[in-house]
């Protein structure tokens, strides 16, 4: 199981702070770009540049904003290894398919994230073309620190029974939730405040790793 710290960047320092203080390698960091649809990037639009990234760390970008094509181009240019499109930010499924194709041409992994109220069947058509699925485990997205929603456990089990794609889970995860998420079939845990908002993110990250052993 992969533990992936998540940040909603407001300043260049936010991008470097987590990657620089967590020495564990390999390490993937999750960049949330919330945009206007889900509350906006507080303090105005902020997009990281390549020089802000930590050497030796991989990055994945979760695109929730409406301006998805521009954002995909930017994140591909700075060298992310994964992109995640928020399903509900699209009006037509063919729009997702087009951007998935574009991302794959650049050699990155592509996932689609679903809000907890969205049926898994919504992405059935996309399963053959994407590399993983991300299930949101909070009732409302757009900010860190929201409570874990237990409904996601049945969704993980259903997704695991339906296909073999890796399953990423994002939102409200604490060390106490790791075992049940692993049992349900999750492969990756995207963790925000329980790591990046702690006094020492490195210690918090190690705590998550310890419960996997």
C-alpha atoms as a PDB file:
ATOM      1  CA  UNK A   1       0.000   0.000   0.000  1.00  0.00           C
ATOM      2  CA  UNK A   2       1.305   3.429  -0.956  1.00  0.00           C
ATOM      3  CA  UNK A   3       1.026   6.397   1.432  1.00  0.00           C
ATOM      4  CA  UNK A   4       0.759   9.665  -0.502  1.00  0.00           C
ATOM      5  CA  UNK A   5       0.840  13.018   1.347  1.00  0.00           C
ATOM      6  CA  UNK A   6      -1.479  15.620  -0.183  1.00  0.00           C
ATOM      7  CA  UNK A   7      -1.110  19.386  -0.379  1.00  0.00           C
ATOM      8  CA  UNK A   8      -3.358  22.219  -1.525  1.00  0.00           C
ATOM      9  CA  UNK A   9      -0.616  24.700  -2.451  1.00  0.00           C
ATOM     10  CA  UNK A  10      -0.996  28.385  -1.616  1.00  0.00           C
ATOM     11  CA  UNK A  11       2.656  29.443  -1.950  1.00  0.00           C
ATOM     12  CA  UNK A  12       5.901  27.988  -3.379  1.00  0.00           C
ATOM     13  CA  UNK A  13       6.909  27.062   0.160  1.00  0.00           C
ATOM     14  CA  UNK A  14       3.897  24.724   0.411  1.00  0.00           C
ATOM     15  CA  UNK A  15       5.217  22.730  -2.528  1.00  0.00           C
ATOM     16  CA  UNK A  16       8.702  22.276  -1.068  1.00  0.00           C
ATOM     17  CA  UNK A  17       7.834  21.937   2.607  1.00  0.00           C
ATOM     18  CA  UNK A  18       6.506  18.386   2.552  1.00  0.00           C
ATOM     19  CA  UNK A  19       8.877  16.859   0.020  1.00  0.00           C
ATOM     20  CA  UNK A  20      11.906  18.374   1.687  1.00  0.00           C
ATOM     21  CA  UNK A  21      11.062  17.262   5.240  1.00  0.00           C
ATOM     22  CA  UNK A  22       9.949  13.678   4.475  1.00  0.00           C
ATOM     23  CA  UNK A  23      13.134  11.760   3.632  1.00  0.00           C
ATOM     24  CA  UNK A  24      11.375   8.517   2.680  1.00  0.00           C
ATOM     25  CA  UNK A  25      12.022   7.374  -0.902  1.00  0.00           C
ATOM     26  CA  UNK A  26      10.336   6.473  -3.121  1.00  0.00           C
ATOM     27  CA  UNK A  27       7.797   9.180  -2.309  1.00  0.00           C
ATOM     28  CA  UNK A  28       4.854  10.525  -4.263  1.00  0.00           C
ATOM     29  CA  UNK A  29       3.181  13.814  -3.340  1.00  0.00           C
ATOM     30  CA  UNK A  30      -0.377  14.658  -4.337  1.00  0.00           C
ATOM     31  CA  UNK A  31      -1.078  18.217  -5.521  1.00  0.00           C
ATOM     32  CA  UNK A  32      -4.730  19.230  -5.308  1.00  0.00           C
ATOM     33  CA  UNK A  33      -5.737  21.934  -7.735  1.00  0.00           C
ATOM     34  CA  UNK A  34      -9.213  22.749  -6.458  1.00  0.00           C
ATOM     35  CA  UNK A  35     -10.173  25.711  -8.617  1.00  0.00           C
ATOM     36  CA  UNK A  36     -13.406  27.661  -8.535  1.00  0.00           C
ATOM     37  CA  UNK A  37     -15.807  24.722  -8.796  1.00  0.00           C
ATOM     38  CA  UNK A  38     -14.964  23.385  -5.342  1.00  0.00           C
ATOM     39  CA  UNK A  39     -14.077  26.524  -3.416  1.00  0.00           C
ATOM     40  CA  UNK A  40     -11.022  27.855  -5.194  1.00  0.00           C
ATOM     41  CA  UNK A  41      -7.351  28.037  -4.322  1.00  0.00           C
ATOM     42  CA  UNK A  42      -7.341  30.300  -1.276  1.00  0.00           C
ATOM     43  CA  UNK A  43      -5.166  33.349  -1.859  1.00  0.00           C
ATOM     44  CA  UNK A  44      -5.662  33.187  -5.632  1.00  0.00           C
ATOM     45  CA  UNK A  45      -4.626  30.826  -8.360  1.00  0.00           C
ATOM     46  CA  UNK A  46      -1.275  29.177  -7.737  1.00  0.00           C
ATOM     47  CA  UNK A  47       0.389  26.691 -10.026  1.00  0.00           C
ATOM     48  CA  UNK A  48       3.740  25.171  -9.081  1.00  0.00           C
ATOM     49  CA  UNK A  49       6.657  25.384 -11.477  1.00  0.00           C
ATOM     50  CA  UNK A  50       9.272  22.696 -12.028  1.00  0.00           C
ATOM     51  CA  UNK A  51      11.903  24.466  -9.936  1.00  0.00           C
ATOM     52  CA  UNK A  52       9.617  24.283  -6.885  1.00  0.00           C
ATOM     53  CA  UNK A  53       9.534  20.479  -6.917  1.00  0.00           C
ATOM     54  CA  UNK A  54      11.780  18.371  -4.694  1.00  0.00           C
ATOM     55  CA  UNK A  55      14.405  16.340  -6.536  1.00  0.00           C
ATOM     56  CA  UNK A  56      13.781  12.607  -6.225  1.00  0.00           C
ATOM     57  CA  UNK A  57      10.074  12.970  -5.415  1.00  0.00           C
ATOM     58  CA  UNK A  58       7.286  11.999  -7.829  1.00  0.00           C
ATOM     59  CA  UNK A  59       4.154  14.095  -8.107  1.00  0.00           C
ATOM     60  CA  UNK A  60       0.540  13.462  -8.995  1.00  0.00           C
ATOM     61  CA  UNK A  61      -1.909  16.264  -9.804  1.00  0.00           C
ATOM     62  CA  UNK A  62      -5.615  16.092  -8.927  1.00  0.00           C
ATOM     63  CA  UNK A  63      -7.440  18.429 -11.318  1.00  0.00           C
ATOM     64  CA  UNK A  64     -10.845  19.576 -10.093  1.00  0.00           C
ATOM     65  CA  UNK A  65     -11.096  22.945 -11.829  1.00  0.00           C
ATOM     66  CA  UNK A  66     -13.145  23.590 -14.951  1.00  0.00           C
ATOM     67  CA  UNK A  67     -10.139  24.694 -17.038  1.00  0.00           C
ATOM     68  CA  UNK A  68      -8.919  21.129 -17.303  1.00  0.00           C
ATOM     69  CA  UNK A  69      -7.056  21.204 -20.610  1.00  0.00           C
ATOM     70  CA  UNK A  70      -4.873  24.137 -19.607  1.00  0.00           C
ATOM     71  CA  UNK A  71      -4.143  22.591 -16.235  1.00  0.00           C
ATOM     72  CA  UNK A  72      -3.255  19.238 -17.770  1.00  0.00           C
ATOM     73  CA  UNK A  73      -0.813  20.944 -20.133  1.00  0.00           C
ATOM     74  CA  UNK A  74       0.816  22.772 -17.239  1.00  0.00           C
ATOM     75  CA  UNK A  75       1.209  19.717 -15.009  1.00  0.00           C
ATOM     76  CA  UNK A  76       2.583  17.646 -17.880  1.00  0.00           C
ATOM     77  CA  UNK A  77       5.123  20.370 -18.607  1.00  0.00           C
ATOM     78  CA  UNK A  78       6.443  20.405 -15.031  1.00  0.00           C
ATOM     79  CA  UNK A  79       6.825  16.627 -15.060  1.00  0.00           C
ATOM     80  CA  UNK A  80       4.153  15.005 -12.897  1.00  0.00           C
ATOM     81  CA  UNK A  81       3.990  11.208 -13.132  1.00  0.00           C
ATOM     82  CA  UNK A  82       0.231  10.872 -12.544  1.00  0.00           C
ATOM     83  CA  UNK A  83      -2.834  12.994 -13.199  1.00  0.00           C
ATOM     84  CA  UNK A  84      -6.286  12.541 -11.701  1.00  0.00           C
ATOM     85  CA  UNK A  85      -9.372  14.079 -13.257  1.00  0.00           C
ATOM     86  CA  UNK A  86     -12.375  14.796 -11.044  1.00  0.00           C
ATOM     87  CA  UNK A  87     -15.244  13.104 -12.856  1.00  0.00           C
ATOM     88  CA  UNK A  88     -17.902  15.613 -11.776  1.00  0.00           C
ATOM     89  CA  UNK A  89     -15.933  18.548 -13.240  1.00  0.00           C
ATOM     90  CA  UNK A  90     -16.825  17.293 -16.733  1.00  0.00           C
ATOM     91  CA  UNK A  91     -20.126  17.673 -18.526  1.00  0.00           C
ATOM     92  CA  UNK A  92     -19.468  14.926 -21.091  1.00  0.00           C
ATOM     93  CA  UNK A  93     -17.565  11.668 -20.684  1.00  0.00           C
ATOM     94  CA  UNK A  94     -15.905  12.025 -24.089  1.00  0.00           C
ATOM     95  CA  UNK A  95     -14.113  15.098 -22.698  1.00  0.00           C
ATOM     96  CA  UNK A  96     -12.467  12.869 -20.094  1.00  0.00           C
ATOM     97  CA  UNK A  97     -11.527  10.329 -22.762  1.00  0.00           C
ATOM     98  CA  UNK A  98      -9.810  13.005 -24.834  1.00  0.00           C
ATOM     99  CA  UNK A  99      -7.721  14.267 -21.925  1.00  0.00           C
ATOM    100  CA  UNK A 100      -6.884  10.710 -20.825  1.00  0.00           C
ATOM    101  CA  UNK A 101      -5.532  10.089 -24.325  1.00  0.00           C
ATOM    102  CA  UNK A 102      -3.510  13.319 -24.250  1.00  0.00           C
ATOM    103  CA  UNK A 103      -2.022  12.450 -20.862  1.00  0.00           C
ATOM    104  CA  UNK A 104      -1.116   8.931 -21.967  1.00  0.00           C
ATOM    105  CA  UNK A 105       0.754  10.335 -24.965  1.00  0.00           C
ATOM    106  CA  UNK A 106       3.033  12.015 -22.417  1.00  0.00           C
ATOM    107  CA  UNK A 107       3.640   8.733 -20.618  1.00  0.00           C
ATOM    108  CA  UNK A 108       1.887   9.498 -17.340  1.00  0.00           C
ATOM    109  CA  UNK A 109      -0.550   7.370 -15.351  1.00  0.00           C
ATOM    110  CA  UNK A 110      -4.128   8.620 -15.467  1.00  0.00           C
ATOM    111  CA  UNK A 111      -6.866   8.176 -12.886  1.00  0.00           C
ATOM    112  CA  UNK A 112     -10.422   9.418 -12.434  1.00  0.00           C
ATOM    113  CA  UNK A 113     -11.748  10.522  -9.027  1.00  0.00           C
ATOM    114  CA  UNK A 114     -15.348  10.066  -7.931  1.00  0.00           C
ATOM    115  CA  UNK A 115     -17.277  11.926  -5.259  1.00  0.00           C
ATOM    116  CA  UNK A 116     -18.777   9.618  -2.663  1.00  0.00           C
ATOM    117  CA  UNK A 117     -22.308  10.159  -4.007  1.00  0.00           C
ATOM    118  CA  UNK A 118     -21.390   9.304  -7.612  1.00  0.00           C
ATOM    119  CA  UNK A 119     -22.158   5.680  -8.577  1.00  0.00           C
ATOM    120  CA  UNK A 120     -19.201   3.545  -9.624  1.00  0.00           C
ATOM    121  CA  UNK A 121     -21.064   2.701 -12.797  1.00  0.00           C
ATOM    122  CA  UNK A 122     -20.455   6.272 -13.976  1.00  0.00           C
ATOM    123  CA  UNK A 123     -16.883   5.390 -14.965  1.00  0.00           C
ATOM    124  CA  UNK A 124     -17.518   1.885 -16.315  1.00  0.00           C
ATOM    125  CA  UNK A 125     -16.900   3.106 -19.871  1.00  0.00           C
ATOM    126  CA  UNK A 126     -13.542   4.564 -18.801  1.00  0.00           C
ATOM    127  CA  UNK A 127     -12.168   1.485 -17.029  1.00  0.00           C
ATOM    128  CA  UNK A 128     -10.389   0.075 -20.129  1.00  0.00           C
ATOM    129  CA  UNK A 129      -8.589   3.390 -20.748  1.00  0.00           C
ATOM    130  CA  UNK A 130      -7.514   4.581 -17.284  1.00  0.00           C
ATOM    131  CA  UNK A 131      -4.762   3.302 -14.999  1.00  0.00           C
ATOM    132  CA  UNK A 132      -6.460   3.652 -11.610  1.00  0.00           C
ATOM    133  CA  UNK A 133      -9.562   4.954  -9.875  1.00  0.00           C
ATOM    134  CA  UNK A 134      -9.669   7.357  -6.943  1.00  0.00           C
ATOM    135  CA  UNK A 135     -12.542   7.182  -4.479  1.00  0.00           C
ATOM    136  CA  UNK A 136     -13.139  10.249  -2.350  1.00  0.00           C
ATOM    137  CA  UNK A 137     -13.718   9.294   1.286  1.00  0.00           C
ATOM    138  CA  UNK A 138     -15.186  12.587   2.490  1.00  0.00           C
ATOM    139  CA  UNK A 139     -18.632  14.017   1.900  1.00  0.00           C
ATOM    140  CA  UNK A 140     -17.421  17.325   0.467  1.00  0.00           C
ATOM    141  CA  UNK A 141     -14.156  18.093  -1.299  1.00  0.00           C
ATOM    142  CA  UNK A 142     -12.172  21.316  -1.623  1.00  0.00           C
ATOM    143  CA  UNK A 143     -10.471  21.577   1.784  1.00  0.00           C
ATOM    144  CA  UNK A 144      -8.390  19.471   4.134  1.00  0.00           C
ATOM    145  CA  UNK A 145      -9.446  18.296   7.580  1.00  0.00           C
ATOM    146  CA  UNK A 146     -12.885  16.916   6.763  1.00  0.00           C
ATOM    147  CA  UNK A 147     -14.156  13.744   8.404  1.00  0.00           C
ATOM    148  CA  UNK A 148     -13.793  10.265   6.946  1.00  0.00           C
ATOM    149  CA  UNK A 149     -16.999   8.833   5.482  1.00  0.00           C
ATOM    150  CA  UNK A 150     -17.375   5.091   6.148  1.00  0.00           C
ATOM    151  CA  UNK A 151     -19.526   4.652   3.044  1.00  0.00           C
ATOM    152  CA  UNK A 152     -16.335   4.505   1.018  1.00  0.00           C
ATOM    153  CA  UNK A 153     -15.503   1.055   2.418  1.00  0.00           C
ATOM    154  CA  UNK A 154     -18.357  -0.638   0.548  1.00  0.00           C
ATOM    155  CA  UNK A 155     -17.406   1.363  -2.547  1.00  0.00           C
ATOM    156  CA  UNK A 156     -13.831   0.074  -2.367  1.00  0.00           C
ATOM    157  CA  UNK A 157     -15.067  -3.509  -2.038  1.00  0.00           C
ATOM    158  CA  UNK A 158     -17.433  -3.071  -4.977  1.00  0.00           C
ATOM    159  CA  UNK A 159     -14.713  -1.530  -7.141  1.00  0.00           C
ATOM    160  CA  UNK A 160     -12.293  -4.305  -6.217  1.00  0.00           C
ATOM    161  CA  UNK A 161     -14.870  -6.929  -7.179  1.00  0.00           C
ATOM    162  CA  UNK A 162     -15.556  -5.219 -10.497  1.00  0.00           C
ATOM    163  CA  UNK A 163     -12.032  -4.692 -11.854  1.00  0.00           C
ATOM    164  CA  UNK A 164      -8.314  -5.050 -11.151  1.00  0.00           C
ATOM    165  CA  UNK A 165      -7.337  -1.377 -11.413  1.00  0.00           C
ATOM    166  CA  UNK A 166      -5.409   0.078  -8.454  1.00  0.00           C
ATOM    167  CA  UNK A 167      -7.737   1.933  -6.066  1.00  0.00           C
ATOM    168  CA  UNK A 168      -6.665   5.192  -4.484  1.00  0.00           C
ATOM    169  CA  UNK A 169      -8.648   6.579  -1.530  1.00  0.00           C
ATOM    170  CA  UNK A 170      -8.564  10.273  -0.637  1.00  0.00           C
ATOM    171  CA  UNK A 171      -9.938  12.187   2.331  1.00  0.00           C
ATOM    172  CA  UNK A 172     -10.153  12.121   6.112  1.00  0.00           C
ATOM    173  CA  UNK A 173      -7.756   9.198   6.558  1.00  0.00           C
ATOM    174  CA  UNK A 174      -6.061   8.705   9.931  1.00  0.00           C
ATOM    175  CA  UNK A 175      -3.658   5.923  11.013  1.00  0.00           C
ATOM    176  CA  UNK A 176      -6.569   4.170  12.729  1.00  0.00           C
ATOM    177  CA  UNK A 177      -8.323   3.780   9.353  1.00  0.00           C
ATOM    178  CA  UNK A 178      -5.432   2.167   7.498  1.00  0.00           C
ATOM    179  CA  UNK A 179      -6.122  -1.452   8.424  1.00  0.00           C
ATOM    180  CA  UNK A 180      -9.778  -1.401   7.411  1.00  0.00           C
ATOM    181  CA  UNK A 181      -8.945   0.386   4.145  1.00  0.00           C
ATOM    182  CA  UNK A 182      -6.305  -2.198   3.350  1.00  0.00           C
ATOM    183  CA  UNK A 183      -8.745  -5.020   4.138  1.00  0.00           C
ATOM    184  CA  UNK A 184     -11.363  -3.463   1.867  1.00  0.00           C
ATOM    185  CA  UNK A 185      -8.904  -3.476  -1.040  1.00  0.00           C
ATOM    186  CA  UNK A 186      -7.364  -0.001  -1.241  1.00  0.00           C
ATOM    187  CA  UNK A 187      -3.928   0.232  -2.852  1.00  0.00           C
ATOM    188  CA  UNK A 188      -3.060   3.896  -2.264  1.00  0.00           C
ATOM    189  CA  UNK A 189      -3.996   6.304   0.514  1.00  0.00           C
ATOM    190  CA  UNK A 190      -3.927  10.026  -0.189  1.00  0.00           C
ATOM    191  CA  UNK A 191      -3.521  11.815   3.142  1.00  0.00           C
ATOM    192  CA  UNK A 192      -3.683  15.542   3.757  1.00  0.00           C
ATOM    193  CA  UNK A 193      -4.043  17.063   7.205  1.00  0.00           C
ATOM    194  CA  UNK A 194      -3.048  13.910   9.134  1.00  0.00           C
ATOM    195  CA  UNK A 195       0.434  14.326   7.620  1.00  0.00           C
ATOM    196  CA  UNK A 196       1.022  17.779   6.185  1.00  0.00           C
ATOM    197  CA  UNK A 197      -0.770  19.739   8.930  1.00  0.00           C
ATOM    198  CA  UNK A 198       1.103  17.998  11.750  1.00  0.00           C
ATOM    199  CA  UNK A 199       4.020  19.656  13.620  1.00  0.00           C
ATOM    200  CA  UNK A 200       6.448  17.188  12.020  1.00  0.00           C
ATOM    201  CA  UNK A 201       5.136  15.714   8.738  1.00  0.00           C
ATOM    202  CA  UNK A 202       8.017  13.230   8.660  1.00  0.00           C
ATOM    203  CA  UNK A 203       6.999  11.711  12.010  1.00  0.00           C
ATOM    204  CA  UNK A 204       3.336  11.631  10.921  1.00  0.00           C
ATOM    205  CA  UNK A 205       4.289   9.902   7.658  1.00  0.00           C
ATOM    206  CA  UNK A 206       6.323   7.270   9.518  1.00  0.00           C
ATOM    207  CA  UNK A 207       3.328   6.585  11.765  1.00  0.00           C
ATOM    208  CA  UNK A 208       1.282   5.629   8.722  1.00  0.00           C
ATOM    209  CA  UNK A 209       4.054   3.387   7.466  1.00  0.00           C
ATOM    210  CA  UNK A 210       4.351   1.683  10.858  1.00  0.00           C
ATOM    211  CA  UNK A 211       0.718   0.583  10.892  1.00  0.00           C
ATOM    212  CA  UNK A 212       1.246  -1.175   7.562  1.00  0.00           C
ATOM    213  CA  UNK A 213       3.900  -3.454   9.010  1.00  0.00           C
END
